[in-house]
């Protein structure tokens, strides 16, 4: 598309940076040509011994000086002129006029400076492509005709050639030279325009390709940054070369800190899973391994997949490691296994409880009858009392079994958990001894949720009682209630002895207890109650520094399950 002046639309005012750069190139070319002309003039003057005051040389010096002056003016005005296209056209027109004046005073058709017309035409082709080169060729033909024809006029010849040197050439020769020059002008215009048009098309294609490549790079970078999996690349020596945003988030690292470091210095891998020691193992299949963060035994569990990083020719240039945080998945798997164990043990407990309770009832009744019919004194009575007490304890244990193994459906209703918690902790304070119990509320969100209040009270009682019993010499139990989003979370943090790490994974297993006379059913029942409410329970403990238990109940119940049923 062209504008009203016949120039390409891309060169309209404001089309800008490219045309501005080409204008600077034109100014440099103009200064170079003027300098060459000045050098040639001085050389001719020295060789021929002509005085500076001679008309051709004085005029030539004038034109060279004017060229320098105009170039300086152009350079000053360029940053202030908004229409760079018109500014360039004006420069070309003045260049043609000055050059025609130089040709006129240096011999007309015999002037050696006629070659400069070709440079101006080439410059016009560079600035304005085909339209500019053809206009410059036409202007050159016209002005060159004036320059070679003017000395034929007596009045002009009297001024620029008083000695008649230029007039020695015949009009036929002048016309022939003019015709030959015009042919050369348009030939150069055609060739230069063809070349510049080709360069413009190639440049446009390069611009499109560069834009597409830049867009592809941005898209690829956005994909790599926003992909959910962590992505780390290394070279063949195992040095990290790239780390995406997900990798920073999952591994709690900074890309700026890990790039350039060895992979083994940042991530931990199991023995035998190093893909850099045996690069051939990635040729046909990916390598999968579970690892973590180097030097951090408590960091996230990472599921890693290693594959070869190849270039466009298929040559291996490094290793790609994609990983995800498996910590939550492993926790869920453990909860599923725990639920399965609880269900199996619950069924066993229910059968055992029914089978044991009937003999216990007969044994208890028989002992009661013996106490009434026999008179037993001394050691015999003490033994009879022990038997009676143990039978009662076994009956209570069986009742706990039945309560755990034969759950009732929960009856959820909107409950103020803070009020239930405060009431339960007030009752427990009487048994707390030297332990201090503090109930606090975090945030302004309400602590109301749809729960079975009796079962919630049982959960709070068991958890708080365990915490108090873990502090036989006194301590502090901090109970915090907070409503965050769709859940209400209750946190029990004590300053007791803590739970051994080996026992931490078993504390919700029925019949497992760290107490001497514990039944191991309290926390198991707590877990089932929380699970029936579709809630969550997590335990953190550090031996010697205390235990923190967090229970989260959903604010709204969708379809409550019976205690012990899979959630």
Protein backbone atom coordinates (compact mmCIF):
# COMPACT_ATOMS: atom_id res chain seq x y z
CA UNK A 1 0.00 0.00 0.00
CA UNK A 2 1.24 3.51 -0.81
CA UNK A 3 0.28 6.88 0.57
CA UNK A 4 -0.71 9.96 -1.42
CA UNK A 5 2.90 10.85 -2.11
CA UNK A 6 3.65 7.52 -3.78
CA UNK A 7 5.81 6.32 -0.92
CA UNK A 8 5.24 3.04 0.92
CA UNK A 9 2.67 3.28 3.67
CA UNK A 10 5.22 2.03 6.16
CA UNK A 11 7.14 5.28 5.66
CA UNK A 12 4.31 7.64 6.57
CA UNK A 13 4.96 10.08 9.41
CA UNK A 14 5.53 8.17 12.57
CA UNK A 15 6.44 4.91 10.75
CA UNK A 16 9.55 5.80 12.35
CA UNK A 17 12.51 4.01 13.81
CA UNK A 18 13.62 2.18 10.65
CA UNK A 19 13.36 5.31 8.45
CA UNK A 20 15.18 7.35 11.07
CA UNK A 21 18.05 4.89 11.03
CA UNK A 22 18.25 4.97 7.25
CA UNK A 23 18.27 8.79 7.34
CA UNK A 24 21.32 8.69 9.61
CA UNK A 25 22.97 6.35 7.13
CA UNK A 26 22.17 8.84 4.31
CA UNK A 27 23.76 11.69 6.28
CA UNK A 28 26.90 9.66 6.74
CA UNK A 29 27.03 8.85 3.05
CA UNK A 30 26.55 12.53 2.21
CA UNK A 31 29.46 13.55 4.41
CA UNK A 32 31.64 10.85 2.86
CA UNK A 33 30.84 12.01 -0.69
CA UNK A 34 31.39 15.66 0.20
CA UNK A 35 34.73 14.78 1.75
CA UNK A 36 35.79 12.86 -1.37
CA UNK A 37 34.72 15.80 -3.54
CA UNK A 38 36.72 18.15 -1.36
CA UNK A 39 39.78 15.92 -1.58
CA UNK A 40 39.50 15.63 -5.36
CA UNK A 41 39.14 19.42 -5.70
CA UNK A 42 42.20 20.10 -3.61
CA UNK A 43 44.18 17.48 -5.55
CA UNK A 44 43.17 19.03 -8.88
CA UNK A 45 44.04 22.49 -7.66
CA UNK A 46 47.49 21.42 -6.50
CA UNK A 47 48.25 19.52 -9.70
CA UNK A 48 47.04 22.19 -12.11
CA UNK A 49 48.31 25.08 -10.05
CA UNK A 50 45.05 26.94 -10.32
CA UNK A 51 44.28 29.82 -8.00
CA UNK A 52 41.61 29.44 -5.35
CA UNK A 53 39.75 32.36 -6.90
CA UNK A 54 39.09 30.52 -10.13
CA UNK A 55 35.37 30.27 -10.75
CA UNK A 56 34.87 26.44 -10.94
CA UNK A 57 36.96 25.73 -7.90
CA UNK A 58 35.46 28.56 -5.87
CA UNK A 59 31.99 27.29 -6.73
CA UNK A 60 32.98 23.73 -5.88
CA UNK A 61 34.30 24.76 -2.47
CA UNK A 62 31.06 26.63 -1.95
CA UNK A 63 28.94 23.54 -2.72
CA UNK A 64 31.06 21.26 -0.49
CA UNK A 65 30.87 23.72 2.38
CA UNK A 66 27.12 24.07 1.88
CA UNK A 67 26.79 20.25 1.97
CA UNK A 68 28.60 20.10 5.31
CA UNK A 69 26.43 22.88 6.70
CA UNK A 70 23.17 21.31 5.53
CA UNK A 71 24.17 17.93 6.98
CA UNK A 72 24.77 19.55 10.37
CA UNK A 73 21.39 21.29 10.12
CA UNK A 74 19.70 17.98 9.17
CA UNK A 75 21.25 16.23 12.17
CA UNK A 76 20.02 18.95 14.52
CA UNK A 77 16.51 18.99 13.06
CA UNK A 78 16.00 15.23 12.83
CA UNK A 79 14.91 14.72 16.44
CA UNK A 80 12.47 17.65 16.16
CA UNK A 81 10.80 16.79 12.84
CA UNK A 82 7.74 14.55 13.20
CA UNK A 83 7.28 13.70 9.51
CA UNK A 84 10.50 11.80 8.82
CA UNK A 85 9.27 10.78 5.36
CA UNK A 86 8.91 14.37 4.11
CA UNK A 87 12.16 15.28 5.84
CA UNK A 88 14.00 12.54 3.91
CA UNK A 89 12.40 13.56 0.61
CA UNK A 90 13.48 17.17 1.15
CA UNK A 91 17.06 16.06 1.81
CA UNK A 92 17.15 14.02 -1.39
CA UNK A 93 15.76 16.94 -3.40
CA UNK A 94 18.38 19.34 -2.01
CA UNK A 95 21.10 16.75 -2.65
CA UNK A 96 20.05 16.54 -6.31
CA UNK A 97 19.99 20.33 -6.60
CA UNK A 98 23.43 20.74 -5.02
CA UNK A 99 24.91 17.93 -7.10
CA UNK A 100 23.49 19.48 -10.28
CA UNK A 101 25.14 22.75 -9.34
CA UNK A 102 28.45 20.95 -8.80
CA UNK A 103 28.14 19.19 -12.16
CA UNK A 104 27.32 22.51 -13.82
CA UNK A 105 30.43 24.30 -12.50
CA UNK A 106 32.79 21.34 -13.01
CA UNK A 107 32.32 20.71 -16.68
CA UNK A 108 28.65 19.93 -17.32
CA UNK A 109 28.54 16.78 -19.42
CA UNK A 110 32.28 16.32 -18.80
CA UNK A 111 32.01 16.59 -15.00
CA UNK A 112 33.50 13.64 -13.15
CA UNK A 113 30.89 14.00 -10.39
CA UNK A 114 28.01 12.63 -12.43
CA UNK A 115 28.52 9.30 -10.67
CA UNK A 116 27.16 10.84 -7.47
CA UNK A 117 23.69 10.80 -9.06
CA UNK A 118 23.78 7.01 -8.86
CA UNK A 119 24.55 7.19 -5.14
CA UNK A 120 21.57 9.47 -4.57
CA UNK A 121 19.29 7.12 -6.53
CA UNK A 122 20.53 4.16 -4.47
CA UNK A 123 19.92 6.19 -1.29
CA UNK A 124 16.37 6.96 -2.44
CA UNK A 125 15.80 3.24 -3.08
CA UNK A 126 17.00 2.43 0.43
CA UNK A 127 14.76 5.09 1.96
CA UNK A 128 11.61 4.72 -0.18
CA UNK A 129 12.10 1.49 -2.14
CA UNK A 130 10.87 1.31 -5.75
CA UNK A 131 8.79 4.51 -5.78
CA UNK A 132 11.61 6.54 -4.27
CA UNK A 133 14.27 5.22 -6.67
CA UNK A 134 12.12 5.95 -9.76
CA UNK A 135 11.29 9.48 -8.59
CA UNK A 136 14.99 10.10 -7.85
CA UNK A 137 15.96 8.77 -11.29
CA UNK A 138 13.45 11.09 -12.99
CA UNK A 139 14.65 14.06 -10.93
CA UNK A 140 18.28 13.19 -11.70
CA UNK A 141 17.52 13.01 -15.43
CA UNK A 142 15.80 16.39 -15.34
CA UNK A 143 18.38 18.22 -13.24
CA UNK A 144 21.31 16.60 -15.05
CA UNK A 145 19.83 17.84 -18.31
CA UNK A 146 19.70 21.36 -16.83
CA UNK A 147 23.28 21.03 -15.55
CA UNK A 148 24.71 19.97 -18.92
CA UNK A 149 22.50 22.28 -20.99
CA UNK A 150 22.95 25.49 -18.99
CA UNK A 151 26.61 26.05 -20.02
CA UNK A 152 25.38 26.16 -23.61
CA UNK A 153 23.57 29.41 -22.82
CA UNK A 154 25.89 32.44 -23.40
CA UNK A 155 24.87 34.25 -20.23
CA UNK A 156 25.41 31.17 -18.06
CA UNK A 157 28.63 30.28 -19.82
CA UNK A 158 29.95 33.81 -19.22
CA UNK A 159 29.59 33.24 -15.47
CA UNK A 160 30.70 29.62 -14.99
CA UNK A 161 33.04 29.24 -18.01
CA UNK A 162 34.51 32.59 -19.05
CA UNK A 163 37.43 30.89 -20.81
CA UNK A 164 35.15 28.76 -23.00
CA UNK A 165 36.60 25.46 -21.79
CA UNK A 166 33.24 23.70 -21.46
CA UNK A 167 31.92 24.92 -24.79
CA UNK A 168 34.39 22.79 -26.76
CA UNK A 169 32.03 19.78 -26.60
CA UNK A 170 29.44 19.57 -29.39
CA UNK A 171 25.74 19.58 -28.68
CA UNK A 172 25.46 16.09 -30.18
CA UNK A 173 28.05 14.73 -27.75
CA UNK A 174 26.33 16.47 -24.87
CA UNK A 175 22.98 15.04 -25.89
CA UNK A 176 24.50 11.57 -26.26
CA UNK A 177 26.04 11.77 -22.79
CA UNK A 178 22.80 13.00 -21.32
CA UNK A 179 20.87 10.15 -22.93
CA UNK A 180 23.43 7.64 -21.72
CA UNK A 181 23.30 9.06 -18.18
CA UNK A 182 19.47 8.95 -18.11
CA UNK A 183 19.57 5.31 -19.18
CA UNK A 184 22.06 4.62 -16.41
CA UNK A 185 19.90 6.49 -13.89
CA UNK A 186 16.83 4.37 -14.56
CA UNK A 187 18.83 1.15 -14.85
CA UNK A 188 20.37 1.78 -11.43
CA UNK A 189 16.94 2.75 -10.10
CA UNK A 190 15.46 -0.52 -11.36
CA UNK A 191 18.29 -2.66 -9.99
CA UNK A 192 18.46 -0.84 -6.66
CA UNK A 193 14.68 -0.95 -6.22
CA UNK A 194 14.59 -4.64 -7.05
CA UNK A 195 17.28 -5.30 -4.49
CA UNK A 196 15.71 -3.13 -1.77
CA UNK A 197 12.24 -4.59 -2.42
CA UNK A 198 13.70 -8.07 -2.04
CA UNK A 199 15.46 -6.99 1.13
CA UNK A 200 12.22 -5.47 2.40
CA UNK A 201 10.31 -8.70 1.77
CA UNK A 202 13.02 -10.71 3.45
CA UNK A 203 13.05 -8.25 6.33
CA UNK A 204 9.27 -8.49 6.66
CA UNK A 205 9.50 -12.27 6.65
CA UNK A 206 12.25 -12.11 9.26
CA UNK A 207 10.12 -9.77 11.36
CA UNK A 208 7.19 -12.18 11.15
CA UNK A 209 9.44 -15.13 11.92
CA UNK A 210 11.08 -13.27 14.79
CA UNK A 211 7.70 -12.26 16.18
CA UNK A 212 6.46 -15.84 15.87
CA UNK A 213 9.60 -17.15 17.51
CA UNK A 214 9.32 -14.59 20.29
CA UNK A 215 5.66 -15.48 20.79
CA UNK A 216 6.54 -19.17 20.81
CA UNK A 217 9.29 -18.55 23.36
CA UNK A 218 6.91 -16.53 25.53
CA UNK A 219 4.22 -19.21 25.21
CA UNK A 220 6.72 -21.95 26.06
CA UNK A 221 7.98 -19.95 29.00
CA UNK A 222 4.44 -19.35 30.22
CA UNK A 223 3.66 -23.06 29.90
CA UNK A 224 6.81 -24.02 31.78
CA UNK A 225 6.17 -21.41 34.45
CA UNK A 226 2.53 -22.30 34.99
CA UNK A 227 2.68 -26.08 34.68
CA UNK A 228 1.66 -27.73 37.94
CA UNK A 229 4.64 -30.09 38.05
CA UNK A 230 8.08 -28.94 39.08
CA UNK A 231 10.51 -28.91 36.15
CA UNK A 232 14.29 -28.79 36.41
CA UNK A 233 16.76 -29.25 33.55
CA UNK A 234 20.48 -30.01 33.81
CA UNK A 235 23.41 -30.42 31.48
CA UNK A 236 25.19 -33.73 31.01
CA UNK A 237 27.29 -33.09 34.13
CA UNK A 238 24.22 -32.70 36.35
CA UNK A 239 24.44 -28.90 36.73
CA UNK A 240 21.02 -27.24 36.96
CA UNK A 241 20.28 -24.98 33.98
CA UNK A 242 16.55 -24.23 34.44
CA UNK A 243 14.02 -24.27 37.26
CA UNK A 244 10.35 -23.36 36.76
CA UNK A 245 7.99 -21.60 39.15
CA UNK A 246 6.27 -24.81 40.31
CA UNK A 247 9.65 -26.29 41.23
CA UNK A 248 10.39 -23.22 43.34
CA UNK A 249 7.01 -23.53 45.09
CA UNK A 250 7.08 -27.29 45.65
CA UNK A 251 10.70 -27.50 46.79
CA UNK A 252 10.71 -24.11 48.58
CA UNK A 253 13.70 -22.99 46.54
CA UNK A 254 14.69 -19.99 44.46
CA UNK A 255 15.66 -20.47 40.82
CA UNK A 256 18.36 -17.82 41.15
CA UNK A 257 19.93 -19.81 44.00
CA UNK A 258 19.90 -23.26 42.38
CA UNK A 259 20.76 -22.56 38.74
CA UNK A 260 24.42 -23.38 38.28
CA UNK A 261 24.51 -25.77 41.25
CA UNK A 262 24.83 -29.58 41.01
CA UNK A 263 21.48 -31.39 41.07
CA UNK A 264 22.74 -33.70 43.81
CA UNK A 265 23.54 -30.66 45.96
CA UNK A 266 19.92 -29.46 45.81
CA UNK A 267 17.84 -32.66 45.62
CA UNK A 268 18.17 -36.01 47.39
CA UNK A 269 17.88 -39.26 45.43
CA UNK A 270 17.87 -42.89 46.60
CA UNK A 271 21.05 -44.87 45.86
CA UNK A 272 21.26 -46.17 42.32
CA UNK A 273 18.88 -43.56 40.88
CA UNK A 274 21.50 -41.14 39.57
CA UNK A 275 20.79 -40.70 35.81
CA UNK A 276 24.07 -38.82 35.20
CA UNK A 277 26.28 -41.73 36.18
CA UNK A 278 24.47 -44.02 33.74
CA UNK A 279 23.10 -41.75 30.97
CA UNK A 280 22.29 -44.76 28.79
CA UNK A 281 19.41 -45.73 31.06
CA UNK A 282 17.38 -42.76 29.74
CA UNK A 283 17.74 -43.75 26.09
CA UNK A 284 14.53 -45.76 25.77
CA UNK A 285 12.53 -45.08 28.91
CA UNK A 286 12.13 -42.59 31.70
CA UNK A 287 13.57 -43.17 35.17
CA UNK A 288 11.22 -42.81 38.12
CA UNK A 289 12.34 -42.36 41.69
CA UNK A 290 11.24 -40.85 44.98
CA UNK A 291 13.46 -38.25 46.56
CA UNK A 292 13.46 -35.05 48.52
CA UNK A 293 15.46 -31.94 49.32
CA UNK A 294 19.13 -32.47 50.07
CA UNK A 295 19.98 -31.98 53.72
CA UNK A 296 16.31 -31.86 54.76
CA UNK A 297 14.90 -35.01 56.31
CA UNK A 298 11.55 -33.30 56.97
CA UNK A 299 11.03 -31.77 53.52
CA UNK A 300 8.41 -32.81 50.98
CA UNK A 301 8.47 -36.27 49.43
CA UNK A 302 9.06 -35.79 45.71
CA UNK A 303 8.03 -38.20 42.98
CA UNK A 304 10.62 -37.61 40.24
CA UNK A 305 10.65 -38.63 36.57
CA UNK A 306 13.92 -38.27 34.65
CA UNK A 307 14.11 -38.21 30.86
CA UNK A 308 16.74 -37.23 28.32
CA UNK A 309 16.89 -33.62 27.09
CA UNK A 310 17.64 -33.64 23.35
CA UNK A 311 18.40 -30.96 20.79
CA UNK A 312 16.88 -30.63 17.32
CA UNK A 313 19.19 -33.30 15.93
CA UNK A 314 18.25 -35.82 18.59
CA UNK A 315 21.53 -35.54 20.48
CA UNK A 316 21.32 -35.74 24.26
CA UNK A 317 22.27 -32.41 25.82
CA UNK A 318 21.11 -32.95 29.38
CA UNK A 319 18.42 -34.34 31.65
CA UNK A 320 14.87 -33.19 32.40
CA UNK A 321 13.51 -33.86 35.87
CA UNK A 322 9.75 -33.44 36.40
CA UNK A 323 8.53 -33.90 39.94
CA UNK A 324 5.46 -33.54 42.15
CA UNK A 325 4.91 -33.34 45.88
CA UNK A 326 3.75 -36.79 47.03
CA UNK A 327 3.49 -35.87 50.71
CA UNK A 328 -0.29 -35.34 50.69
CA UNK A 329 -0.81 -38.43 48.49
CA UNK A 330 1.22 -40.59 50.86
CA UNK A 331 -0.73 -39.18 53.79
CA UNK A 332 -4.00 -40.02 52.06
CA UNK A 333 -2.77 -43.52 51.27
CA UNK A 334 -1.83 -43.98 54.91
CA UNK A 335 -5.28 -42.79 55.96
CA UNK A 336 -6.89 -45.28 53.59
CA UNK A 337 -4.74 -48.10 54.94
CA UNK A 338 -5.55 -46.95 58.46
CA UNK A 339 -9.27 -46.93 57.68
CA UNK A 340 -9.00 -50.43 56.26
CA UNK A 341 -7.17 -51.63 59.36
CA UNK A 342 -9.71 -49.92 61.60
CA UNK A 343 -12.60 -51.52 59.74
CA UNK A 344 -11.04 -54.98 59.95
CA UNK A 345 -10.14 -54.59 63.60
CA UNK A 346 -13.57 -53.17 64.33
CA UNK A 347 -15.26 -56.22 62.90
CA UNK A 348 -12.94 -58.45 64.93
CA UNK A 349 -13.58 -56.40 68.06
CA UNK A 350 -17.33 -56.62 67.61
CA UNK A 351 -17.21 -60.41 67.37
CA UNK A 352 -14.82 -60.74 70.27
CA UNK A 353 -16.85 -58.36 72.44
CA UNK A 354 -20.04 -60.33 71.99
CA UNK A 355 -18.25 -63.65 72.60
CA UNK A 356 -16.48 -62.35 75.73
CA UNK A 357 -19.34 -60.40 77.27
CA UNK A 358 -21.63 -63.40 77.79
CA UNK A 359 -19.04 -65.42 79.81
CA UNK A 360 -18.18 -62.30 81.75
CA UNK A 361 -21.83 -61.85 82.68
CA UNK A 362 -22.01 -65.45 83.89
CA UNK A 363 -18.71 -65.05 85.76
CA UNK A 364 -19.85 -61.83 87.40
CA UNK A 365 -23.15 -63.38 88.49
CA UNK A 366 -21.46 -66.47 89.85
CA UNK A 367 -18.99 -64.40 91.91
CA UNK A 368 -21.86 -62.34 93.30
CA UNK A 369 -23.68 -65.53 94.40
CA UNK A 370 -20.50 -66.92 95.99
CA UNK A 371 -20.05 -63.71 97.99
CA UNK A 372 -23.57 -64.10 99.37
CA UNK A 373 -23.40 -67.84 100.17
CA UNK A 374 -19.78 -68.10 101.40
CA UNK A 375 -18.14 -66.38 104.31
CA UNK A 376 -14.63 -65.57 103.16
CA UNK A 377 -12.24 -63.64 105.37
CA UNK A 378 -8.71 -62.35 105.11
CA UNK A 379 -6.74 -63.14 102.01
CA UNK A 380 -9.64 -64.95 100.39
CA UNK A 381 -11.85 -61.84 100.52
CA UNK A 382 -9.05 -59.71 99.07
CA UNK A 383 -8.67 -62.18 96.22
CA UNK A 384 -12.42 -62.20 95.69
CA UNK A 385 -12.44 -58.39 95.56
CA UNK A 386 -9.61 -58.45 93.00
CA UNK A 387 -11.54 -60.91 90.84
CA UNK A 388 -14.67 -58.76 91.09
CA UNK A 389 -12.72 -55.60 90.13
CA UNK A 390 -10.99 -57.23 87.19
CA UNK A 391 -14.29 -58.62 85.93
CA UNK A 392 -15.75 -55.11 86.10
CA UNK A 393 -12.71 -53.73 84.25
CA UNK A 394 -13.05 -56.37 81.57
CA UNK A 395 -16.74 -55.54 81.23
CA UNK A 396 -15.88 -51.85 80.80
CA UNK A 397 -13.28 -52.77 78.22
CA UNK A 398 -15.81 -54.89 76.34
CA UNK A 399 -18.27 -51.97 76.48
CA UNK A 400 -15.58 -49.77 74.90
CA UNK A 401 -15.06 -52.41 72.22
CA UNK A 402 -18.76 -52.45 71.48
CA UNK A 403 -18.92 -48.67 71.44
CA UNK A 404 -16.05 -48.61 68.93
CA UNK A 405 -17.18 -51.54 66.80
CA UNK A 406 -20.95 -50.84 66.78
CA UNK A 407 -21.19 -47.14 65.98
CA UNK A 408 -24.35 -45.15 65.83
CA UNK A 409 -25.26 -42.69 63.12
CA UNK A 410 -24.17 -39.14 63.80
CA UNK A 411 -26.88 -36.52 64.30
CA UNK A 412 -25.35 -33.26 63.04
CA UNK A 413 -26.78 -29.92 63.98
CA UNK A 414 -25.40 -26.41 63.87
CA UNK A 415 -23.22 -26.19 66.95
CA UNK A 416 -21.09 -23.50 68.53
CA UNK A 417 -17.87 -25.47 68.85
CA UNK A 418 -16.25 -22.78 70.98
CA UNK A 419 -19.03 -23.10 73.59
CA UNK A 420 -18.82 -26.93 73.57
CA UNK A 421 -15.05 -26.74 73.90
CA UNK A 422 -15.14 -24.28 76.80
CA UNK A 423 -17.71 -26.41 78.64
CA UNK A 424 -15.61 -29.57 78.14
CA UNK A 425 -12.38 -27.89 79.23
CA UNK A 426 -14.09 -26.53 82.36
CA UNK A 427 -15.08 -30.09 83.34
CA UNK A 428 -11.58 -31.35 82.57
CA UNK A 429 -9.85 -28.66 84.63
CA UNK A 430 -10.83 -30.51 87.82
CA UNK A 431 -8.72 -33.48 86.68
CA UNK A 432 -5.92 -31.42 85.21
CA UNK A 433 -3.97 -30.99 88.44
CA UNK A 434 -1.03 -28.66 87.87
CA UNK A 435 -1.75 -28.37 84.15
CA UNK A 436 -3.07 -25.05 82.86
CA UNK A 437 -5.72 -25.13 80.15
CA UNK A 438 -6.22 -21.99 78.03
CA UNK A 439 -8.91 -21.71 75.36
CA UNK A 440 -8.49 -18.90 72.81
CA UNK A 441 -10.21 -17.87 69.60
CA UNK A 442 -8.22 -16.85 66.53
CA UNK A 443 -9.77 -14.44 64.06
CA UNK A 444 -13.29 -13.03 63.86
CA UNK A 445 -14.86 -15.86 61.83
CA UNK A 446 -17.64 -17.78 63.66
CA UNK A 447 -16.76 -21.18 65.13
CA UNK A 448 -20.04 -22.83 64.17
CA UNK A 449 -20.29 -26.09 62.26
CA UNK A 450 -22.76 -28.89 61.62
CA UNK A 451 -21.58 -31.63 64.00
CA UNK A 452 -23.00 -34.09 66.49
CA UNK A 453 -22.44 -32.14 69.73
CA UNK A 454 -22.14 -35.27 71.91
CA UNK A 455 -19.57 -36.83 69.63
CA UNK A 456 -17.70 -33.53 69.28
CA UNK A 457 -17.58 -33.30 73.07
CA UNK A 458 -16.17 -36.84 73.20
CA UNK A 459 -13.47 -35.88 70.68
CA UNK A 460 -12.49 -32.79 72.68
CA UNK A 461 -12.50 -34.68 75.96
CA UNK A 462 -10.29 -37.53 74.72
CA UNK A 463 -7.76 -35.26 73.02
CA UNK A 464 -7.50 -32.89 75.96
CA UNK A 465 -7.34 -35.75 78.48
CA UNK A 466 -4.49 -37.35 76.54
CA UNK A 467 -2.66 -34.02 76.55
CA UNK A 468 -3.12 -33.59 80.30
CA UNK A 469 -1.97 -37.15 81.01
CA UNK A 470 1.15 -36.46 78.90
CA UNK A 471 2.08 -33.70 81.42
CA UNK A 472 2.17 -35.53 84.80
CA UNK A 473 4.45 -32.87 86.29
CA UNK A 474 2.38 -30.00 85.03
CA UNK A 475 2.46 -27.90 81.92
CA UNK A 476 0.21 -25.93 79.63
CA UNK A 477 -2.46 -27.02 77.17
CA UNK A 478 -3.25 -24.29 74.61
CA UNK A 479 -6.53 -24.87 72.80
CA UNK A 480 -7.14 -22.57 69.81
CA UNK A 481 -10.31 -22.32 67.72
CA UNK A 482 -10.28 -20.72 64.27
CA UNK A 483 -12.76 -20.58 61.40
CA UNK A 484 -10.98 -20.57 58.03
CA UNK A 485 -13.03 -20.91 54.84
CA UNK A 486 -15.29 -23.95 54.84
CA UNK A 487 -13.77 -25.44 58.02
CA UNK A 488 -13.51 -24.84 61.73
CA UNK A 489 -10.15 -25.94 63.13
CA UNK A 490 -9.45 -26.77 66.79
CA UNK A 491 -5.81 -27.07 67.80
CA UNK A 492 -4.61 -28.80 71.00
CA UNK A 493 -0.96 -27.94 71.77
CA UNK A 494 0.61 -29.33 74.95
CA UNK A 495 4.09 -29.05 76.47
CA UNK A 496 4.34 -32.71 77.42
CA UNK A 497 6.88 -35.41 76.66
CA UNK A 498 5.77 -35.79 73.05
CA UNK A 499 5.24 -38.97 71.05
CA UNK A 500 8.16 -41.07 69.78
CA UNK A 501 8.53 -40.81 66.03
CA UNK A 502 8.16 -44.57 65.59
CA UNK A 503 4.82 -44.53 67.41
CA UNK A 504 3.42 -41.45 65.65
CA UNK A 505 2.07 -43.41 62.67
CA UNK A 506 0.25 -45.92 64.95
CA UNK A 507 -1.52 -43.69 67.45
CA UNK A 508 -4.93 -44.05 65.75
CA UNK A 509 -4.64 -47.82 65.50
CA UNK A 510 -7.01 -49.63 67.88
CA UNK A 511 -5.41 -51.23 70.94
CA UNK A 512 -2.16 -49.34 70.42
CA UNK A 513 -1.27 -47.20 73.41
CA UNK A 514 1.84 -45.64 74.90
CA UNK A 515 0.25 -45.70 78.39
CA UNK A 516 0.79 -48.55 80.83
CA UNK A 517 -2.94 -49.22 81.40
CA UNK A 518 -4.35 -47.66 78.24
CA UNK A 519 -6.78 -49.60 76.06
CA UNK A 520 -5.68 -47.89 72.83
CA UNK A 521 -9.27 -47.15 71.84
CA UNK A 522 -9.59 -43.47 72.74
CA UNK A 523 -7.72 -42.01 69.77
CA UNK A 524 -9.05 -44.72 67.46
CA UNK A 525 -12.59 -43.67 68.34
CA UNK A 526 -11.66 -40.00 67.92
CA UNK A 527 -10.38 -40.76 64.43
CA UNK A 528 -13.59 -42.56 63.50
CA UNK A 529 -15.76 -39.73 64.78
CA UNK A 530 -13.80 -37.10 62.85
CA UNK A 531 -13.82 -39.28 59.74
CA UNK A 532 -17.60 -39.77 60.03
CA UNK A 533 -17.99 -35.98 60.03
CA UNK A 534 -15.81 -35.88 56.88
CA UNK A 535 -13.25 -33.86 58.78
CA UNK A 536 -9.49 -34.06 59.17
CA UNK A 537 -7.14 -34.79 62.04
CA UNK A 538 -3.36 -34.26 61.96
CA UNK A 539 -0.73 -34.78 64.63
CA UNK A 540 2.68 -33.15 64.97
CA UNK A 541 4.97 -34.13 67.80
CA UNK A 542 8.57 -33.65 68.83
CA UNK A 543 9.85 -35.78 71.69
CA UNK A 544 10.65 -33.65 74.70
CA UNK A 545 8.87 -30.56 73.35
CA UNK A 546 5.20 -31.51 73.16
CA UNK A 547 2.46 -32.52 70.77
CA UNK A 548 0.03 -30.55 68.59
CA UNK A 549 -3.22 -32.12 67.36
CA UNK A 550 -5.39 -30.29 64.82
CA UNK A 551 -8.99 -31.29 64.21
CA UNK A 552 -10.94 -29.71 61.34
CA UNK A 553 -14.73 -30.05 60.99
CA UNK A 554 -16.50 -28.88 57.82
CA UNK A 555 -18.96 -26.07 58.40
CA UNK A 556 -21.61 -27.85 56.33
CA UNK A 557 -22.26 -31.58 56.20
CA UNK A 558 -23.18 -33.02 52.81
CA UNK A 559 -24.10 -36.59 53.64
CA UNK A 560 -22.90 -37.56 57.13
CA UNK A 561 -21.70 -41.11 57.50
CA UNK A 562 -22.10 -43.40 60.50
CA UNK A 563 -19.17 -43.45 62.88
CA UNK A 564 -16.63 -45.87 61.45
CA UNK A 565 -18.05 -45.91 57.90
CA UNK A 566 -15.59 -44.96 55.14
CA UNK A 567 -15.78 -41.24 54.43
